[in-house]
Amino acid sequence: MSNYPPEVAEIEKVGSYARISTEKVVDLNPDLVVGAYGNGIETIEKISDLGIPVVGLNPRTLDEILDSINLLGEVTGCEENATRLTNEMKVTIDRVKNASKKAAHRPRVLYVIWHDPLYTAGNGTFEDEMISIAGGENLAADLPGYSIMTLETVIDRDPEVIITTSGGGMGVEEANISYEYILSEERFADLTAVREGRVYVIDADIACRPGPRIVDALEEIFRFIHPELCEGEEQ
C-alpha cells in the first residue's frame, strides 16, 4: 500500500497491492492508471480493455527505475521535474560508486527479504545491484531473482554483513521480525555478521520500492557495508 508522500493518505484506496477493485477504478474516472508488477496482469488488462490508459512498470535495475520516473514524467506532462529528479538520483549513485572504490575489502553480504523460508535478493534485482555499487559481494549473486536460500547455505557462505528489511509482513507492523529471527536463530550464532554485530535493518519502504527513495536505500546500504568510509559523515 502506498504511504509516501504523506498526502497519499487522503487519496481514495482502490484495493491492495495484489487485489485491485476495477469497479472502484472505473468510478474514479482516471485519466491514467499506473500499474506495477504484482497488481496482476488480468487486472491491468481488464482496466485497459475498458478504455482507460494504463502504464505498466516493472523496473529491476537502477537504470530502469530512472527510466520509469522519466516515463511517468513524460506521460503526465512533468518531464522537467522528472529529469531534475533523476539527475539528482544519478549524482547520488555516482557518489556511492566512487566512494566504494576506496574500500580495501568487499564484504560478503546477505540481503534478507523474508525469513520463513529465508528469501534473499539474487541476480537481476536492484538490491543485488545496490550491494555491488555499495562495495559488497552479494552472497546470493548466483541465484535468480528473489530466491530461497537454505540455512545450510547461509552458514556455509558465512556472511560478513546481513541486511534485513524492516517490519513483520503478514500484517505485523511492530516487529522487525526477520532481524529478530537472524539474531535468535541458534544455528546462526557463529556467523561472522552475527558475532561482529553487523546485522542491520533497512526500511522496507525505501529499499523494496523502486522509486525516488531507492538512492536513500543505496546510501544506507553503503554505510552498513563500509562504515569505515563514512566516518565523520553526517548521518
C-alpha atoms as a PDB file:
ATOM      1  CA  MET A   1       0.000   0.000   0.000  1.00  0.00           C
ATOM      2  CA  SER A   2       1.365   3.422  -0.943  1.00  0.00           C
ATOM      3  CA  ASN A   3       2.210   5.593   2.065  1.00  0.00           C
ATOM      4  CA  TYR A   4       4.573   8.172   0.583  1.00  0.00           C
ATOM      5  CA  PRO A   5       4.403  11.095   0.329  1.00  0.00           C
ATOM      6  CA  PRO A   6       2.089  11.565   3.340  1.00  0.00           C
ATOM      7  CA  GLU A   7      -0.504  13.252   1.122  1.00  0.00           C
ATOM      8  CA  VAL A   8      -1.422   9.886  -0.418  1.00  0.00           C
ATOM      9  CA  ALA A   9      -3.296   9.075   2.790  1.00  0.00           C
ATOM     10  CA  GLU A  10      -6.009  11.429   1.531  1.00  0.00           C
ATOM     11  CA  ILE A  11      -6.395   9.598  -1.786  1.00  0.00           C
ATOM     12  CA  GLU A  12      -9.205   7.066  -2.084  1.00  0.00           C
ATOM     13  CA  LYS A  13      -7.991   3.464  -1.965  1.00  0.00           C
ATOM     14  CA  VAL A  14      -8.950   1.055  -4.733  1.00  0.00           C
ATOM     15  CA  GLY A  15      -7.716  -2.141  -3.098  1.00  0.00           C
ATOM     16  CA  SER A  16      -4.434  -3.705  -2.054  1.00  0.00           C
ATOM     17  CA  TYR A  17      -1.227  -4.322  -3.975  1.00  0.00           C
ATOM     18  CA  ALA A  18      -2.387  -7.642  -5.411  1.00  0.00           C
ATOM     19  CA  ARG A  19      -6.167  -7.138  -5.288  1.00  0.00           C
ATOM     20  CA  ILE A  20      -7.429  -4.111  -7.207  1.00  0.00           C
ATOM     21  CA  SER A  21     -11.119  -3.275  -7.475  1.00  0.00           C
ATOM     22  CA  THR A  22     -11.663  -2.433 -11.131  1.00  0.00           C
ATOM     23  CA  GLU A  23     -15.106  -1.099 -10.212  1.00  0.00           C
ATOM     24  CA  LYS A  24     -13.569   1.499  -7.889  1.00  0.00           C
ATOM     25  CA  VAL A  25     -11.023   2.416 -10.543  1.00  0.00           C
ATOM     26  CA  VAL A  26     -13.776   2.985 -13.105  1.00  0.00           C
ATOM     27  CA  ASP A  27     -15.836   5.031 -10.632  1.00  0.00           C
ATOM     28  CA  LEU A  28     -12.906   7.422 -10.171  1.00  0.00           C
ATOM     29  CA  ASN A  29     -12.790   8.061 -13.947  1.00  0.00           C
ATOM     30  CA  PRO A  30      -8.970   8.400 -14.083  1.00  0.00           C
ATOM     31  CA  ASP A  31      -7.083   9.938 -16.984  1.00  0.00           C
ATOM     32  CA  LEU A  32      -4.265   7.445 -16.402  1.00  0.00           C
ATOM     33  CA  VAL A  33      -3.646   4.283 -14.378  1.00  0.00           C
ATOM     34  CA  VAL A  34      -0.097   3.373 -13.349  1.00  0.00           C
ATOM     35  CA  GLY A  35       0.275  -0.355 -12.757  1.00  0.00           C
ATOM     36  CA  ALA A  36       3.107  -2.270 -11.146  1.00  0.00           C
ATOM     37  CA  TYR A  37       4.311  -5.852 -11.195  1.00  0.00           C
ATOM     38  CA  GLY A  38       2.208  -7.695  -8.653  1.00  0.00           C
ATOM     39  CA  ASN A  39      -1.038  -5.885  -9.424  1.00  0.00           C
ATOM     40  CA  GLY A  40      -1.958  -8.813 -11.649  1.00  0.00           C
ATOM     41  CA  ILE A  41      -1.847  -8.852 -15.437  1.00  0.00           C
ATOM     42  CA  GLU A  42      -5.537  -9.800 -15.616  1.00  0.00           C
ATOM     43  CA  THR A  43      -6.500  -6.707 -13.631  1.00  0.00           C
ATOM     44  CA  ILE A  44      -4.305  -4.430 -15.731  1.00  0.00           C
ATOM     45  CA  GLU A  45      -5.685  -5.862 -18.970  1.00  0.00           C
ATOM     46  CA  LYS A  46      -9.261  -5.516 -17.722  1.00  0.00           C
ATOM     47  CA  ILE A  47      -8.718  -1.842 -16.922  1.00  0.00           C
ATOM     48  CA  SER A  48      -7.063  -1.282 -20.295  1.00  0.00           C
ATOM     49  CA  ASP A  49      -9.905  -3.076 -22.098  1.00  0.00           C
ATOM     50  CA  LEU A  50     -12.307  -0.580 -20.524  1.00  0.00           C
ATOM     51  CA  GLY A  51     -10.557   2.176 -22.472  1.00  0.00           C
ATOM     52  CA  ILE A  52      -8.576   3.618 -19.564  1.00  0.00           C
ATOM     53  CA  PRO A  53      -4.954   4.463 -20.455  1.00  0.00           C
ATOM     54  CA  VAL A  54      -2.542   2.258 -18.489  1.00  0.00           C
ATOM     55  CA  VAL A  55       1.218   2.468 -17.996  1.00  0.00           C
ATOM     56  CA  GLY A  56       2.747  -0.703 -16.557  1.00  0.00           C
ATOM     57  CA  LEU A  57       6.065  -0.557 -14.697  1.00  0.00           C
ATOM     58  CA  ASN A  58       8.388  -3.340 -13.572  1.00  0.00           C
ATOM     59  CA  PRO A  59      11.883  -1.865 -13.108  1.00  0.00           C
ATOM     60  CA  ARG A  60      14.525  -4.366 -11.985  1.00  0.00           C
ATOM     61  CA  THR A  61      17.665  -2.215 -12.121  1.00  0.00           C
ATOM     62  CA  LEU A  62      18.554   1.295 -11.012  1.00  0.00           C
ATOM     63  CA  ASP A  63      18.675   2.443 -14.638  1.00  0.00           C
ATOM     64  CA  GLU A  64      15.188   1.033 -15.189  1.00  0.00           C
ATOM     65  CA  ILE A  65      13.948   2.870 -12.094  1.00  0.00           C
ATOM     66  CA  LEU A  66      15.321   6.103 -13.550  1.00  0.00           C
ATOM     67  CA  ASP A  67      13.691   5.288 -16.895  1.00  0.00           C
ATOM     68  CA  SER A  68      10.353   4.634 -15.165  1.00  0.00           C
ATOM     69  CA  ILE A  69      10.453   8.013 -13.450  1.00  0.00           C
ATOM     70  CA  ASN A  70      11.246   9.744 -16.733  1.00  0.00           C
ATOM     71  CA  LEU A  71       8.438   7.820 -18.445  1.00  0.00           C
ATOM     72  CA  LEU A  72       5.954   8.932 -15.804  1.00  0.00           C
ATOM     73  CA  GLY A  73       7.188  12.485 -16.250  1.00  0.00           C
ATOM     74  CA  GLU A  74       6.568  12.208 -19.977  1.00  0.00           C
ATOM     75  CA  VAL A  75       3.036  10.786 -19.764  1.00  0.00           C
ATOM     76  CA  THR A  76       1.965  13.260 -17.063  1.00  0.00           C
ATOM     77  CA  GLY A  77       3.482  16.352 -18.653  1.00  0.00           C
ATOM     78  CA  CYS A  78       6.079  16.714 -15.899  1.00  0.00           C
ATOM     79  CA  GLU A  79       9.197  15.975 -17.929  1.00  0.00           C
ATOM     80  CA  GLU A  80      11.214  18.813 -16.406  1.00  0.00           C
ATOM     81  CA  ASN A  81      10.531  17.687 -12.849  1.00  0.00           C
ATOM     82  CA  ALA A  82      11.294  14.070 -13.716  1.00  0.00           C
ATOM     83  CA  THR A  83      14.572  14.988 -15.395  1.00  0.00           C
ATOM     84  CA  ARG A  84      15.623  17.119 -12.437  1.00  0.00           C
ATOM     85  CA  LEU A  85      14.806  14.293 -10.030  1.00  0.00           C
ATOM     86  CA  THR A  86      16.591  11.561 -11.978  1.00  0.00           C
ATOM     87  CA  ASN A  87      19.652  13.767 -12.426  1.00  0.00           C
ATOM     88  CA  GLU A  88      19.801  14.234  -8.648  1.00  0.00           C
ATOM     89  CA  MET A  89      19.475  10.483  -8.195  1.00  0.00           C
ATOM     90  CA  LYS A  90      22.321   9.865 -10.651  1.00  0.00           C
ATOM     91  CA  VAL A  91      24.559  12.176  -8.616  1.00  0.00           C
ATOM     92  CA  THR A  92      23.912  10.083  -5.509  1.00  0.00           C
ATOM     93  CA  ILE A  93      24.522   6.811  -7.355  1.00  0.00           C
ATOM     94  CA  ASP A  94      27.810   8.103  -8.775  1.00  0.00           C
ATOM     95  CA  ARG A  95      28.884   9.401  -5.366  1.00  0.00           C
ATOM     96  CA  VAL A  96      28.392   5.968  -3.788  1.00  0.00           C
ATOM     97  CA  LYS A  97      30.138   4.251  -6.705  1.00  0.00           C
ATOM     98  CA  ASN A  98      33.181   6.478  -6.335  1.00  0.00           C
ATOM     99  CA  ALA A  99      33.268   6.172  -2.547  1.00  0.00           C
ATOM    100  CA  SER A 100      33.065   2.373  -2.590  1.00  0.00           C
ATOM    101  CA  LYS A 101      36.096   2.188  -4.884  1.00  0.00           C
ATOM    102  CA  LYS A 102      38.195   3.248  -1.889  1.00  0.00           C
ATOM    103  CA  ALA A 103      37.298   0.079   0.017  1.00  0.00           C
ATOM    104  CA  ALA A 104      40.150  -2.302   0.741  1.00  0.00           C
ATOM    105  CA  HIS A 105      37.773  -5.265   1.022  1.00  0.00           C
ATOM    106  CA  ARG A 106      34.360  -6.190  -0.387  1.00  0.00           C
ATOM    107  CA  PRO A 107      32.446  -7.933   2.438  1.00  0.00           C
ATOM    108  CA  ARG A 108      30.123 -10.875   1.815  1.00  0.00           C
ATOM    109  CA  VAL A 109      26.561  -9.546   2.161  1.00  0.00           C
ATOM    110  CA  LEU A 110      23.312 -11.421   2.759  1.00  0.00           C
ATOM    111  CA  TYR A 111      20.165  -9.425   1.989  1.00  0.00           C
ATOM    112  CA  VAL A 112      17.126 -10.942   3.720  1.00  0.00           C
ATOM    113  CA  ILE A 113      13.698 -10.156   2.268  1.00  0.00           C
ATOM    114  CA  TRP A 114      11.848 -12.632   4.497  1.00  0.00           C
ATOM    115  CA  HIS A 115      12.937 -15.291   6.953  1.00  0.00           C
ATOM    116  CA  ASP A 116      10.465 -18.211   6.775  1.00  0.00           C
ATOM    117  CA  PRO A 117      11.557 -19.521   4.388  1.00  0.00           C
ATOM    118  CA  LEU A 118      14.615 -17.338   4.011  1.00  0.00           C
ATOM    119  CA  TYR A 119      14.143 -15.276   0.851  1.00  0.00           C
ATOM    120  CA  THR A 120      17.044 -13.257  -0.463  1.00  0.00           C
ATOM    121  CA  ALA A 121      17.712 -10.971  -3.433  1.00  0.00           C
ATOM    122  CA  GLY A 122      19.756 -12.628  -6.156  1.00  0.00           C
ATOM    123  CA  ASN A 123      20.949 -11.514  -9.570  1.00  0.00           C
ATOM    124  CA  GLY A 124      18.626  -9.457 -11.724  1.00  0.00           C
ATOM    125  CA  THR A 125      17.320  -7.460  -8.742  1.00  0.00           C
ATOM    126  CA  PHE A 126      18.037  -3.856  -7.857  1.00  0.00           C
ATOM    127  CA  GLU A 127      19.002  -4.985  -4.333  1.00  0.00           C
ATOM    128  CA  ASP A 128      21.803  -7.076  -5.844  1.00  0.00           C
ATOM    129  CA  GLU A 129      22.904  -4.075  -7.886  1.00  0.00           C
ATOM    130  CA  MET A 130      22.887  -1.798  -4.837  1.00  0.00           C
ATOM    131  CA  ILE A 131      25.056  -4.225  -2.869  1.00  0.00           C
ATOM    132  CA  SER A 132      27.581  -4.261  -5.710  1.00  0.00           C
ATOM    133  CA  ILE A 133      27.597  -0.470  -6.137  1.00  0.00           C
ATOM    134  CA  ALA A 134      27.997  -0.070  -2.370  1.00  0.00           C
ATOM    135  CA  GLY A 135      31.122  -2.214  -2.380  1.00  0.00           C
ATOM    136  CA  GLY A 136      29.843  -5.596  -1.254  1.00  0.00           C
ATOM    137  CA  GLU A 137      29.663  -9.119  -2.654  1.00  0.00           C
ATOM    138  CA  ASN A 138      26.114 -10.432  -2.730  1.00  0.00           C
ATOM    139  CA  LEU A 139      26.021 -13.893  -1.163  1.00  0.00           C
ATOM    140  CA  ALA A 140      23.087 -14.748  -3.433  1.00  0.00           C
ATOM    141  CA  ALA A 141      24.536 -13.429  -6.689  1.00  0.00           C
ATOM    142  CA  ASP A 142      24.376 -16.916  -8.195  1.00  0.00           C
ATOM    143  CA  LEU A 143      20.632 -17.223  -7.512  1.00  0.00           C
ATOM    144  CA  PRO A 144      17.961 -15.906  -9.893  1.00  0.00           C
ATOM    145  CA  GLY A 145      15.759 -13.039  -8.761  1.00  0.00           C
ATOM    146  CA  TYR A 146      14.170 -13.433  -5.351  1.00  0.00           C
ATOM    147  CA  SER A 147      15.086 -16.932  -4.232  1.00  0.00           C
ATOM    148  CA  ILE A 148      15.045 -19.158  -1.179  1.00  0.00           C
ATOM    149  CA  MET A 149      18.421 -19.826   0.432  1.00  0.00           C
ATOM    150  CA  THR A 150      18.717 -22.747   2.817  1.00  0.00           C
ATOM    151  CA  LEU A 151      20.068 -22.216   6.311  1.00  0.00           C
ATOM    152  CA  GLU A 152      22.888 -24.620   5.498  1.00  0.00           C
ATOM    153  CA  THR A 153      23.921 -22.466   2.540  1.00  0.00           C
ATOM    154  CA  VAL A 154      23.851 -19.317   4.654  1.00  0.00           C
ATOM    155  CA  ILE A 155      26.075 -20.988   7.251  1.00  0.00           C
ATOM    156  CA  ASP A 156      28.432 -22.355   4.605  1.00  0.00           C
ATOM    157  CA  ARG A 157      28.808 -18.971   2.878  1.00  0.00           C
ATOM    158  CA  ASP A 158      29.187 -17.129   6.206  1.00  0.00           C
ATOM    159  CA  PRO A 159      28.027 -13.548   5.512  1.00  0.00           C
ATOM    160  CA  GLU A 160      30.098 -10.724   6.968  1.00  0.00           C
ATOM    161  CA  VAL A 161      27.149  -8.325   6.735  1.00  0.00           C
ATOM    162  CA  ILE A 162      23.446  -9.172   6.944  1.00  0.00           C
ATOM    163  CA  ILE A 163      20.800  -6.647   5.911  1.00  0.00           C
ATOM    164  CA  THR A 164      17.170  -7.371   6.782  1.00  0.00           C
ATOM    165  CA  THR A 165      14.120  -5.411   5.688  1.00  0.00           C
ATOM    166  CA  SER A 166      12.001  -3.713   8.329  1.00  0.00           C
ATOM    167  CA  GLY A 167       8.603  -4.731   9.604  1.00  0.00           C
ATOM    168  CA  GLY A 168       6.929  -8.053  10.083  1.00  0.00           C
ATOM    169  CA  GLY A 169       4.878  -8.620   6.966  1.00  0.00           C
ATOM    170  CA  MET A 170       1.625 -10.562   7.184  1.00  0.00           C
ATOM    171  CA  GLY A 171       0.001  -7.556   8.854  1.00  0.00           C
ATOM    172  CA  VAL A 172       2.555  -7.419  11.684  1.00  0.00           C
ATOM    173  CA  GLU A 173       3.841  -3.856  11.762  1.00  0.00           C
ATOM    174  CA  GLU A 174       5.528  -3.615  15.157  1.00  0.00           C
ATOM    175  CA  ALA A 175       8.404  -6.061  14.986  1.00  0.00           C
ATOM    176  CA  ASN A 176      11.391  -6.260  12.675  1.00  0.00           C
ATOM    177  CA  ILE A 177      10.726  -9.957  12.575  1.00  0.00           C
ATOM    178  CA  SER A 178      13.420 -11.060  10.106  1.00  0.00           C
ATOM    179  CA  TYR A 179      16.076  -9.147  12.045  1.00  0.00           C
ATOM    180  CA  GLU A 180      14.971 -10.739  15.298  1.00  0.00           C
ATOM    181  CA  TYR A 181      14.954 -14.161  13.669  1.00  0.00           C
ATOM    182  CA  ILE A 182      18.563 -13.824  12.472  1.00  0.00           C
ATOM    183  CA  LEU A 183      19.736 -12.859  15.956  1.00  0.00           C
ATOM    184  CA  SER A 184      17.741 -15.556  17.749  1.00  0.00           C
ATOM    185  CA  GLU A 185      18.444 -18.474  15.394  1.00  0.00           C
ATOM    186  CA  GLU A 186      20.965 -20.586  17.313  1.00  0.00           C
ATOM    187  CA  ARG A 187      22.412 -22.059  14.134  1.00  0.00           C
ATOM    188  CA  PHE A 188      23.436 -18.543  13.049  1.00  0.00           C
ATOM    189  CA  ALA A 189      25.263 -17.714  16.274  1.00  0.00           C
ATOM    190  CA  ASP A 190      28.706 -18.316  14.763  1.00  0.00           C
ATOM    191  CA  LEU A 191      28.123 -16.346  11.567  1.00  0.00           C
ATOM    192  CA  THR A 192      30.695 -13.587  11.185  1.00  0.00           C
ATOM    193  CA  ALA A 193      27.973 -10.948  10.802  1.00  0.00           C
ATOM    194  CA  VAL A 194      26.241 -12.045  13.997  1.00  0.00           C
ATOM    195  CA  ARG A 195      29.433 -12.377  16.053  1.00  0.00           C
ATOM    196  CA  GLU A 196      30.675  -8.949  14.957  1.00  0.00           C
ATOM    197  CA  GLY A 197      27.350  -7.166  15.412  1.00  0.00           C
ATOM    198  CA  ARG A 198      26.876  -6.463  11.728  1.00  0.00           C
ATOM    199  CA  VAL A 199      23.220  -7.402  11.299  1.00  0.00           C
ATOM    200  CA  TYR A 200      21.188  -4.393  10.199  1.00  0.00           C
ATOM    201  CA  VAL A 201      17.617  -3.335   9.470  1.00  0.00           C
ATOM    202  CA  ILE A 202      16.753  -1.206   6.464  1.00  0.00           C
ATOM    203  CA  ASP A 203      13.406   0.497   5.948  1.00  0.00           C
ATOM    204  CA  ALA A 204      11.490  -1.715   3.525  1.00  0.00           C
ATOM    205  CA  ASP A 205       9.606   1.312   2.211  1.00  0.00           C
ATOM    206  CA  ILE A 206      12.766   2.843   0.758  1.00  0.00           C
ATOM    207  CA  ALA A 207      14.648  -0.360  -0.074  1.00  0.00           C
ATOM    208  CA  CYS A 208      11.959  -2.524  -1.679  1.00  0.00           C
ATOM    209  CA  ARG A 209      10.015   0.065  -3.648  1.00  0.00           C
ATOM    210  CA  PRO A 210      11.550   1.083  -6.990  1.00  0.00           C
ATOM    211  CA  GLY A 211      11.048   4.821  -6.678  1.00  0.00           C
ATOM    212  CA  PRO A 212      12.980   8.028  -5.956  1.00  0.00           C
ATOM    213  CA  ARG A 213      13.936   6.972  -2.420  1.00  0.00           C
ATOM    214  CA  ILE A 214      15.891   3.980  -3.708  1.00  0.00           C
ATOM    215  CA  VAL A 215      19.017   6.155  -3.642  1.00  0.00           C
ATOM    216  CA  ASP A 216      18.431   6.746   0.081  1.00  0.00           C
ATOM    217  CA  ALA A 217      18.493   2.967   0.467  1.00  0.00           C
ATOM    218  CA  LEU A 218      21.701   2.793  -1.565  1.00  0.00           C
ATOM    219  CA  GLU A 219      23.404   5.283   0.744  1.00  0.00           C
ATOM    220  CA  GLU A 220      22.261   3.368   3.816  1.00  0.00           C
ATOM    221  CA  ILE A 221      23.465   0.051   2.390  1.00  0.00           C
ATOM    222  CA  PHE A 222      26.826   1.685   1.734  1.00  0.00           C
ATOM    223  CA  ARG A 223      27.001   2.816   5.374  1.00  0.00           C
ATOM    224  CA  PHE A 224      26.171  -0.714   6.528  1.00  0.00           C
ATOM    225  CA  ILE A 225      28.818  -2.320   4.328  1.00  0.00           C
ATOM    226  CA  HIS A 226      31.572   0.282   4.681  1.00  0.00           C
ATOM    227  CA  PRO A 227      31.135   2.288   7.885  1.00  0.00           C
ATOM    228  CA  GLU A 228      34.893   2.910   7.849  1.00  0.00           C
ATOM    229  CA  LEU A 229      34.429   5.050   4.724  1.00  0.00           C
ATOM    230  CA  CYS A 230      31.652   7.085   6.333  1.00  0.00           C
ATOM    231  CA  GLU A 231      33.460   8.275   9.452  1.00  0.00           C
ATOM    232  CA  GLY A 232      32.844  11.951  10.063  1.00  0.00           C
ATOM    233  CA  GLU A 233      29.886  11.931   7.689  1.00  0.00           C
ATOM    234  CA  GLU A 234      26.616  13.419   8.923  1.00  0.00           C
ATOM    235  CA  GLN A 235      24.055  10.636   9.392  1.00  0.00           C
END
